[in-house]
Protein backbone atom coordinates (compact mmCIF):
# COMPACT_ATOMS: atom_id res chain seq x y z
CA MET A 1 129.43 142.75 25.95
CA LYS A 2 130.87 145.10 23.31
CA VAL A 3 129.81 148.76 23.36
CA LEU A 4 130.46 151.36 20.68
CA VAL A 5 130.67 154.76 22.50
CA PHE A 6 129.64 157.67 20.27
CA PRO A 7 130.42 160.99 22.06
CA HIS A 8 130.22 164.54 20.91
CA HIS A 9 133.24 166.05 19.00
CA LEU A 10 136.33 165.27 21.12
CA GLU A 11 137.00 168.73 22.50
CA ILE A 12 137.80 169.20 26.11
CA GLY A 13 134.43 169.24 27.86
CA GLY A 14 132.32 167.74 30.55
CA SER A 15 130.25 165.48 28.35
CA GLN A 16 133.30 164.02 26.69
CA THR A 17 134.99 163.50 30.08
CA ASN A 18 131.86 161.81 31.44
CA ALA A 19 131.83 159.45 28.39
CA ILE A 20 135.50 158.45 28.80
CA ASP A 21 135.35 158.05 32.62
CA LEU A 22 132.17 155.87 32.43
CA ALA A 23 133.61 153.70 29.67
CA THR A 24 136.81 153.22 31.76
CA ALA A 25 134.82 152.28 34.87
CA VAL A 26 132.46 149.95 32.90
CA ARG A 27 135.45 148.20 31.27
CA ASP A 28 137.37 147.86 34.49
CA GLN A 29 134.47 146.76 36.70
CA PHE A 30 132.61 144.44 34.23
CA GLY A 31 135.11 143.54 31.60
CA HIS A 32 133.14 144.96 28.67
CA GLU A 33 134.94 145.83 25.45
CA MET A 34 134.50 149.58 24.84
CA VAL A 35 135.36 151.20 21.51
CA PHE A 36 134.94 154.89 20.70
CA CYS A 37 133.81 156.45 17.42
CA ALA A 38 133.85 160.19 17.25
CA THR A 39 135.05 163.23 15.28
CA PRO A 40 138.66 163.85 16.42
CA GLY A 41 139.86 166.47 18.90
CA PRO A 42 142.14 166.94 21.86
CA ALA A 43 140.15 164.66 24.13
CA GLY A 44 141.33 161.86 21.87
CA GLU A 45 144.60 161.93 23.80
CA LEU A 46 142.67 160.94 26.89
CA ILE A 47 140.93 158.10 25.05
CA ALA A 48 144.38 156.82 23.93
CA GLU A 49 145.79 157.11 27.48
CA ARG A 50 142.97 154.95 28.77
CA GLY A 51 143.72 152.25 26.14
CA PHE A 52 140.73 152.53 23.95
CA ARG A 53 140.46 152.25 20.27
CA LEU A 54 139.06 155.31 18.43
CA ILE A 55 137.32 155.20 15.11
CA GLU A 56 137.63 158.74 13.66
CA LEU A 57 134.64 160.17 12.00
CA ALA A 58 134.34 163.25 9.73
CA ARG A 59 132.99 166.35 11.57
CA PRO A 60 129.47 167.01 10.21
CA LYS A 61 128.33 170.39 8.97
CA ALA A 62 124.70 169.85 9.83
CA THR A 63 122.22 167.54 11.54
CA PRO A 64 121.30 165.12 10.16
CA SER A 65 124.51 164.61 8.26
CA PRO A 66 124.34 162.03 5.44
CA THR A 67 128.13 161.62 5.62
CA LEU A 68 128.10 160.98 9.35
CA LEU A 69 125.07 158.64 9.08
CA ARG A 70 126.93 156.49 6.66
CA GLN A 71 130.09 156.48 8.77
CA VAL A 72 128.13 155.47 11.95
CA HIS A 73 126.36 152.79 9.93
CA THR A 74 129.73 151.54 8.69
CA ALA A 75 131.31 151.57 12.15
CA VAL A 76 128.43 149.52 13.53
CA ARG A 77 128.59 147.08 10.59
CA ASP A 78 132.35 146.60 10.95
CA GLU A 79 132.55 146.50 14.80
CA GLN A 80 129.41 144.43 15.38
CA PRO A 81 128.85 145.81 18.87
CA ASP A 82 126.02 144.65 21.17
CA LEU A 83 125.02 148.30 21.70
CA LEU A 84 125.70 151.86 20.62
CA HIS A 85 125.90 154.50 23.37
CA ALA A 86 125.37 158.00 21.98
CA TYR A 87 126.10 161.16 23.90
CA ASP A 88 124.39 164.55 23.17
CA ASN A 89 121.74 165.65 20.81
CA GLN A 90 123.40 165.43 17.43
CA GLN A 91 124.96 162.00 18.18
CA ILE A 92 121.70 160.62 19.42
CA PHE A 93 119.94 161.82 16.26
CA ASP A 94 122.59 160.25 14.04
CA ALA A 95 122.71 156.95 16.00
CA PHE A 96 118.96 156.57 15.73
CA TYR A 97 118.92 157.01 11.94
CA GLY A 98 122.32 155.61 11.12
CA ALA A 99 122.26 152.44 13.27
CA HIS A 100 118.98 151.83 15.05
CA LEU A 101 116.30 152.52 12.43
CA ILE A 102 118.07 150.71 9.60
CA GLY A 103 120.29 148.11 11.40
CA ARG A 104 118.09 147.55 14.48
CA MET A 105 121.16 148.15 16.60
CA PRO A 106 120.19 148.84 20.28
CA VAL A 107 121.02 152.52 21.09
CA LEU A 108 121.24 154.11 24.55
CA ALA A 109 120.94 157.89 24.34
CA THR A 110 122.51 160.11 27.04
CA ASN A 111 121.59 163.71 27.17
CA MET A 112 123.72 165.65 29.61
CA SER A 113 122.29 169.09 28.71
CA MET A 114 120.07 171.01 31.12
CA ALA A 115 116.87 170.80 29.14
CA VAL A 116 114.64 168.02 27.82
CA GLN A 117 114.84 168.06 23.98
CA THR A 118 111.36 167.16 22.86
CA TRP A 119 112.40 166.77 19.23
CA LEU A 120 114.72 163.70 19.94
CA PRO A 121 113.61 160.19 19.00
CA ARG A 122 111.07 158.78 21.59
CA THR A 123 111.43 155.11 20.97
CA ILE A 124 114.95 154.45 22.23
CA PRO A 125 115.99 154.43 25.98
CA ILE A 126 117.49 157.75 27.20
CA THR A 127 119.24 159.09 30.25
CA TYR A 128 119.22 162.54 31.74
CA GLY A 129 121.61 164.07 34.26
CA THR A 130 119.12 165.28 36.88
CA ALA A 131 116.14 163.79 38.60
CA ALA A 132 113.89 166.65 37.53
CA LEU A 133 114.82 166.31 33.87
CA ALA A 134 114.29 162.55 33.94
CA GLU A 135 110.83 162.99 35.43
CA GLU A 136 109.98 165.64 32.79
CA ALA A 137 111.22 163.45 29.95
CA LYS A 138 108.99 160.50 30.99
CA ALA A 139 105.91 162.49 29.95
CA THR A 140 106.95 162.30 26.30
CA GLN A 141 109.17 159.26 25.89
CA ASN A 142 107.82 155.89 24.67
CA ALA A 143 110.95 154.12 25.86
CA PRO A 144 112.59 153.88 29.32
CA VAL A 145 114.02 157.16 30.78
CA TRP A 146 116.75 156.80 33.38
CA LEU A 147 118.78 159.04 35.70
CA LEU A 148 122.44 159.09 34.92
CA GLU A 149 124.05 161.91 36.94
CA PRO A 150 127.57 163.26 36.02
CA PRO A 151 130.03 160.79 37.44
CA VAL A 152 133.11 161.72 39.49
CA ASP A 153 136.10 159.52 40.17
CA THR A 154 136.46 160.55 43.76
CA ASP A 155 139.77 158.68 44.26
CA VAL A 156 141.71 160.79 41.77
CA HIS A 157 139.60 163.94 42.46
CA ALA A 158 140.40 164.18 46.12
CA PRO A 159 142.38 166.32 48.60
CA GLY A 160 145.95 165.42 48.36
CA ALA A 161 145.61 163.38 45.25
CA VAL A 162 147.34 165.92 43.03
CA ASP A 163 150.24 168.29 43.78
CA PRO A 164 149.26 171.75 42.47
CA SER A 165 152.64 173.33 43.00
CA ALA A 166 153.78 173.12 39.36
CA PHE A 167 150.49 174.53 38.11
CA ARG A 168 150.63 177.30 40.66
CA ALA A 169 154.28 178.12 39.67
CA GLU A 170 153.52 178.11 35.88
CA TRP A 171 150.61 180.56 36.26
CA GLN A 172 152.28 182.66 38.97
CA LEU A 173 149.60 182.01 41.68
CA ASP A 174 151.99 181.85 44.69
CA ASP A 175 151.54 185.50 45.76
CA GLY A 176 149.17 184.84 48.75
CA SER A 177 146.09 185.71 46.68
CA ILE A 178 142.79 183.72 47.05
CA THR A 179 142.50 181.68 43.87
CA ILE A 180 139.14 181.22 42.30
CA VAL A 181 138.96 178.60 39.48
CA VAL A 182 136.51 177.71 36.83
CA VAL A 183 137.07 174.77 34.41
CA SER A 184 134.63 174.89 31.47
CA ARG A 185 134.16 174.86 27.77
CA LEU A 186 134.16 178.52 26.70
CA VAL A 187 131.10 178.55 24.45
CA SER A 188 128.25 181.16 24.23
CA TRP A 189 125.59 178.53 24.92
CA MET A 190 125.12 178.15 28.78
CA LYS A 191 128.76 178.89 29.74
CA ALA A 192 130.08 182.32 28.60
CA GLU A 193 127.42 184.50 30.39
CA GLY A 194 128.17 183.20 33.84
CA ILE A 195 131.97 183.33 33.32
CA ARG A 196 131.79 186.94 32.08
CA ARG A 197 129.79 187.85 35.19
CA ALA A 198 132.40 186.13 37.28
CA ILE A 199 135.21 188.25 35.62
CA ASP A 200 133.26 191.37 36.39
CA ALA A 201 132.59 190.28 40.05
CA VAL A 202 136.30 189.50 40.51
CA ALA A 203 137.21 192.94 39.10
CA ALA A 204 134.91 194.61 41.61
CA LEU A 205 136.21 192.53 44.57
CA ALA A 206 139.85 193.06 43.69
CA THR A 207 139.73 196.65 44.75
CA THR A 208 139.77 195.61 48.37
CA ARG A 209 140.99 191.98 48.27
CA ARG A 210 143.87 189.91 47.01
CA ILE A 211 142.26 187.44 44.61
CA ARG A 212 143.11 185.78 41.23
CA PHE A 213 140.53 184.28 38.87
CA VAL A 214 141.83 181.30 36.75
CA ILE A 215 139.77 180.32 33.68
CA VAL A 216 140.64 176.83 32.34
CA GLY A 217 139.15 175.96 28.98
CA GLY A 218 138.78 176.70 25.32
CA GLY A 219 135.99 177.15 22.82
CA THR A 220 134.17 179.58 20.52
CA ALA A 221 133.83 182.23 23.22
CA TYR A 222 137.47 182.15 24.25
CA ASP A 223 138.42 185.27 22.37
CA ASP A 224 135.45 187.32 23.63
CA LEU A 225 136.19 186.30 27.21
CA ALA A 226 139.95 186.89 26.74
CA ALA A 227 139.30 190.39 25.50
CA ARG A 228 137.20 191.11 28.66
CA ALA A 229 139.92 189.62 30.80
CA ASP A 230 142.58 191.86 29.16
CA GLU A 231 140.41 194.91 29.94
CA VAL A 232 140.11 193.95 33.56
CA ASN A 233 143.77 193.19 33.85
CA HIS A 234 144.74 196.50 32.25
CA ALA A 235 142.40 198.40 34.56
CA ALA A 236 143.76 196.54 37.66
CA GLY A 237 147.41 196.97 36.60
CA CYS A 238 148.06 193.25 37.22
CA ARG A 239 147.16 189.79 35.90
CA LEU A 240 143.93 189.49 37.83
CA VAL A 241 142.33 187.07 35.41
CA VAL A 242 144.44 184.18 34.07
CA MET A 243 143.38 182.18 31.03
CA THR A 244 145.15 178.93 30.63
CA GLY A 245 143.37 177.50 27.56
CA PRO A 246 142.13 174.02 27.62
CA LEU A 247 143.86 171.34 29.66
CA ILE A 248 143.79 167.62 29.01
CA ASP A 249 144.19 167.07 32.78
CA PRO A 250 142.66 169.97 34.78
CA LYS A 251 143.07 168.27 38.16
CA PRO A 252 146.08 170.53 39.18
CA ALA A 253 143.85 173.55 38.53
CA TYR A 254 141.14 172.19 40.88
CA ALA A 255 143.73 171.34 43.49
CA ALA A 256 145.22 174.89 43.32
CA ALA A 257 141.86 176.50 43.95
CA ASP A 258 140.61 178.11 47.16
CA ILE A 259 137.20 178.41 45.56
CA VAL A 260 135.67 176.75 42.49
CA ILE A 261 132.87 178.08 40.34
CA GLY A 262 131.00 176.68 37.43
CA MET A 263 128.31 174.16 36.57
CA GLY A 264 127.60 170.50 35.81
CA GLY A 265 130.22 167.76 35.95
CA SER A 266 133.07 170.26 36.12
CA ILE A 267 131.95 171.88 39.34
CA LEU A 268 131.38 168.40 40.84
CA ARG A 269 135.03 167.45 40.15
CA GLY A 270 136.15 170.68 41.89
CA MET A 271 133.87 170.00 44.82
CA ALA A 272 135.40 166.46 45.14
CA PHE A 273 138.68 168.21 45.96
CA ALA A 274 136.92 169.60 49.08
CA LYS A 275 136.64 173.16 47.56
CA PRO A 276 133.73 175.43 48.37
CA ALA A 277 131.66 176.04 45.33
CA VAL A 278 129.44 178.72 43.69
CA ILE A 279 127.19 177.27 41.05
CA LEU A 280 126.75 179.32 37.82
CA GLY A 281 123.79 179.17 35.55
CA GLU A 282 122.13 181.41 32.91
CA GLU A 283 120.03 184.57 33.09
CA GLY A 284 122.08 185.97 36.00
CA PHE A 285 121.93 182.80 38.15
CA SER A 286 124.57 182.03 40.76
CA GLU A 287 124.36 180.40 44.23
CA ALA A 288 126.77 178.97 46.76
CA PHE A 289 126.52 175.25 47.44
CA THR A 290 125.67 175.00 51.13
CA PRO A 291 123.61 172.63 53.37
CA GLU A 292 120.63 175.03 52.79
CA THR A 293 120.90 174.98 48.92
CA ALA A 294 122.09 171.41 48.43
CA SER A 295 118.64 169.76 48.11
CA LEU A 296 117.71 172.05 45.25
CA PHE A 297 120.94 171.40 43.29
CA LEU A 298 120.82 167.67 43.94
CA ARG A 299 117.37 167.52 42.37
CA GLU A 300 117.67 170.17 39.64
CA GLY A 301 121.38 169.73 38.73
CA MET A 302 124.45 171.89 39.32
CA TYR A 303 122.99 174.75 37.34
CA GLY A 304 120.14 177.28 37.56
CA LEU A 305 118.11 179.88 35.77
CA GLY A 306 117.82 183.40 37.09
CA GLY A 307 115.04 185.87 36.53
CA GLY A 308 117.14 187.99 34.17
CA ALA A 309 118.57 190.32 36.86
CA PRO A 310 122.01 189.20 37.93
CA SER A 311 122.33 187.62 41.39
CA ASP A 312 124.90 188.97 43.83
CA LEU A 313 127.79 186.88 42.61
CA ALA A 314 130.29 189.25 44.04
CA GLY A 315 128.68 189.03 47.45
CA GLN A 316 128.60 185.22 47.28
CA LEU A 317 132.27 185.13 46.50
CA ALA A 318 133.17 187.78 49.14
CA GLY A 319 131.53 185.59 51.84
CA LEU A 320 133.95 182.76 50.98
CA ILE A 321 137.01 184.95 50.31
CA ASP A 322 136.75 186.70 53.66
CA ASP A 323 136.02 183.59 55.82
CA ALA A 324 138.70 180.82 55.82
CA ASP A 325 136.62 178.75 58.28
CA ALA A 326 133.64 178.83 55.92
CA ARG A 327 135.75 177.79 53.01
CA SER A 328 137.01 174.80 54.99
CA GLN A 329 133.63 173.74 56.26
CA LEU A 330 131.80 174.16 53.02
CA GLY A 331 134.56 172.48 51.13
CA ALA A 332 134.37 169.41 53.35
CA TYR A 333 130.60 169.35 52.94
CA ALA A 334 130.87 169.65 49.21
CA ARG A 335 133.14 166.69 49.01
CA SER A 336 130.80 164.59 51.23
CA GLN A 337 127.95 165.21 48.92
CA VAL A 338 129.86 164.25 45.80
CA VAL A 339 131.23 161.08 47.35
CA ALA A 340 127.70 160.07 48.55
CA ARG A 341 125.88 160.85 45.35
CA PHE A 342 128.14 160.96 42.23
CA GLY A 343 130.76 158.28 42.78
CA LEU A 344 132.08 156.66 39.65
CA VAL A 345 131.75 153.09 40.88
CA ALA A 346 128.02 153.39 41.51
CA SER A 347 127.46 155.22 38.22
CA ALA A 348 129.20 152.44 36.32
CA ALA A 349 127.08 149.71 37.95
CA ALA A 350 123.95 151.66 37.06
CA LEU A 351 125.07 152.13 33.57
CA ASP A 352 125.87 148.37 33.11
CA ASP A 353 122.26 147.67 34.15
CA MET A 354 120.99 150.21 31.59
CA TYR A 355 123.11 148.62 28.92
CA ARG A 356 121.49 145.26 29.56
CA GLN A 357 118.01 146.59 29.62
CA THR A 358 118.61 148.61 26.46
CA ILE A 359 119.74 145.43 24.61
CA SER A 360 116.48 143.70 25.51
CA TRP A 361 114.25 146.73 24.78
CA GLN A 362 112.16 146.30 21.65
CA GLN A 363 109.49 148.33 19.93
CA PRO A 364 107.36 147.41 16.91
CA VAL A 365 109.05 148.35 13.64
CA ALA A 366 105.99 150.36 12.61
CA ARG A 367 106.32 152.51 15.75
CA GLN A 368 110.00 153.01 15.06
CA TRP A 369 109.33 154.36 11.64
CA ALA A 370 106.50 156.58 12.79
CA ASP A 371 108.82 157.93 15.43
CA ALA A 372 111.50 158.54 12.71
CA ALA A 373 108.96 160.61 10.64
CA THR A 374 107.72 162.69 13.52
CA THR A 375 111.18 163.21 14.81
CA LEU A 376 112.17 164.88 11.56
CA VAL A 377 109.16 167.11 11.72
CA ARG A 378 109.93 168.06 15.38
CA CYS A 379 113.46 168.76 14.52
CA ALA A 380 112.53 171.06 11.69
CA ALA A 381 109.88 172.70 13.85
CA SER A 382 112.48 173.47 16.55
CA GLN A 383 113.97 175.96 14.20
CA LEU A 384 110.64 177.79 13.56
CA PRO A 385 109.13 180.78 15.27
CA ALA A 386 107.23 180.10 18.49
CA PRO A 387 103.61 180.18 17.13
CA VAL A 388 104.44 177.76 14.37
CA LYS A 389 106.29 175.53 16.86
CA ASP A 390 103.16 175.33 19.03
CA ARG A 391 100.99 174.22 16.10
CA VAL A 392 103.44 171.49 15.02
CA ARG A 393 103.63 170.33 18.62
CA ARG A 394 99.86 169.84 18.76
CA LEU A 395 99.99 167.94 15.51
CA THR A 396 102.72 165.54 16.59
CA ARG A 397 101.86 165.19 20.25
CA ALA A 398 99.92 161.96 19.72
CA HIS A 399 102.98 160.26 18.25
């Protein structure tokens, strides 16, 4: 089988890492030929290291992008894959119109966001990253909906698999402080709010504790977060918050951590190193991963929505900072859950089955074109004020 993998712009991020890790595992386990097509970025280095070909696409300015649609159509025509696997909303949209609708190319869509996007095409198979989202999506989709959780290679993300000494020396972390690490894209959507709250929590805790907060990542919110980090560091009179920028290989950062925080696939990779974890979300949400909270996170995903009032992130971190035994026990528990639920080998086997089912999935041409029309309406409506959205939703619900 030949699969053309179409991920989001190749910045350093969880979705891109998931796409590359899954493609590697599917190739190695099942012998499929995997080729990437994407707009270039630093994650392209990882694609090259894994031995994949990359077809570079121009970065679009809007969705849908006529230029990108043509490029995707050309890539499919030239490569003649058996299937196109698109990751994230814009790529799903462009794959549907640029390859599936016109060329009848089988498309598997993967949405790793924390919300069901009801404006996406409904006649191609799609995966979501949590059981709750997959169940919700089934109410609107006219094609199969599958669960594909963020995969973790638990052999390379494991205690003792990486030596963190060089990382700790480079960022001057060997002073006996408790090291808290987040690895994340630094963007305003979903990510920045929780990380800013974490900076403030660390600032409050540092008055009575020796701690260090390491932020690994880059993105559009980097400058704003760096400015806040500078303020905190100036007030503390030391480098309390360390910003490394994006790292192609963040494993040494996870290995150097005493506590990891974050969301999604990135927090799972930290947990695989047997590190105790605090899950971040939006609207003030944070919660430690414990035997009491695990069932919620395993169903809803490594993420949460608060009620608007911030949770006690400082208190959650303090409980781990002050108790070495709790860190050890919760770290071991975290790894056990990742190994049991999110292992890359099982994820690759599930994805191979999804590929085969997607290739055999067919819908009447008329339904595909009807879906194409209503998808455009829903996409446009998603930008409208709420009352207008509701009216359009009622008009298109039957389709």
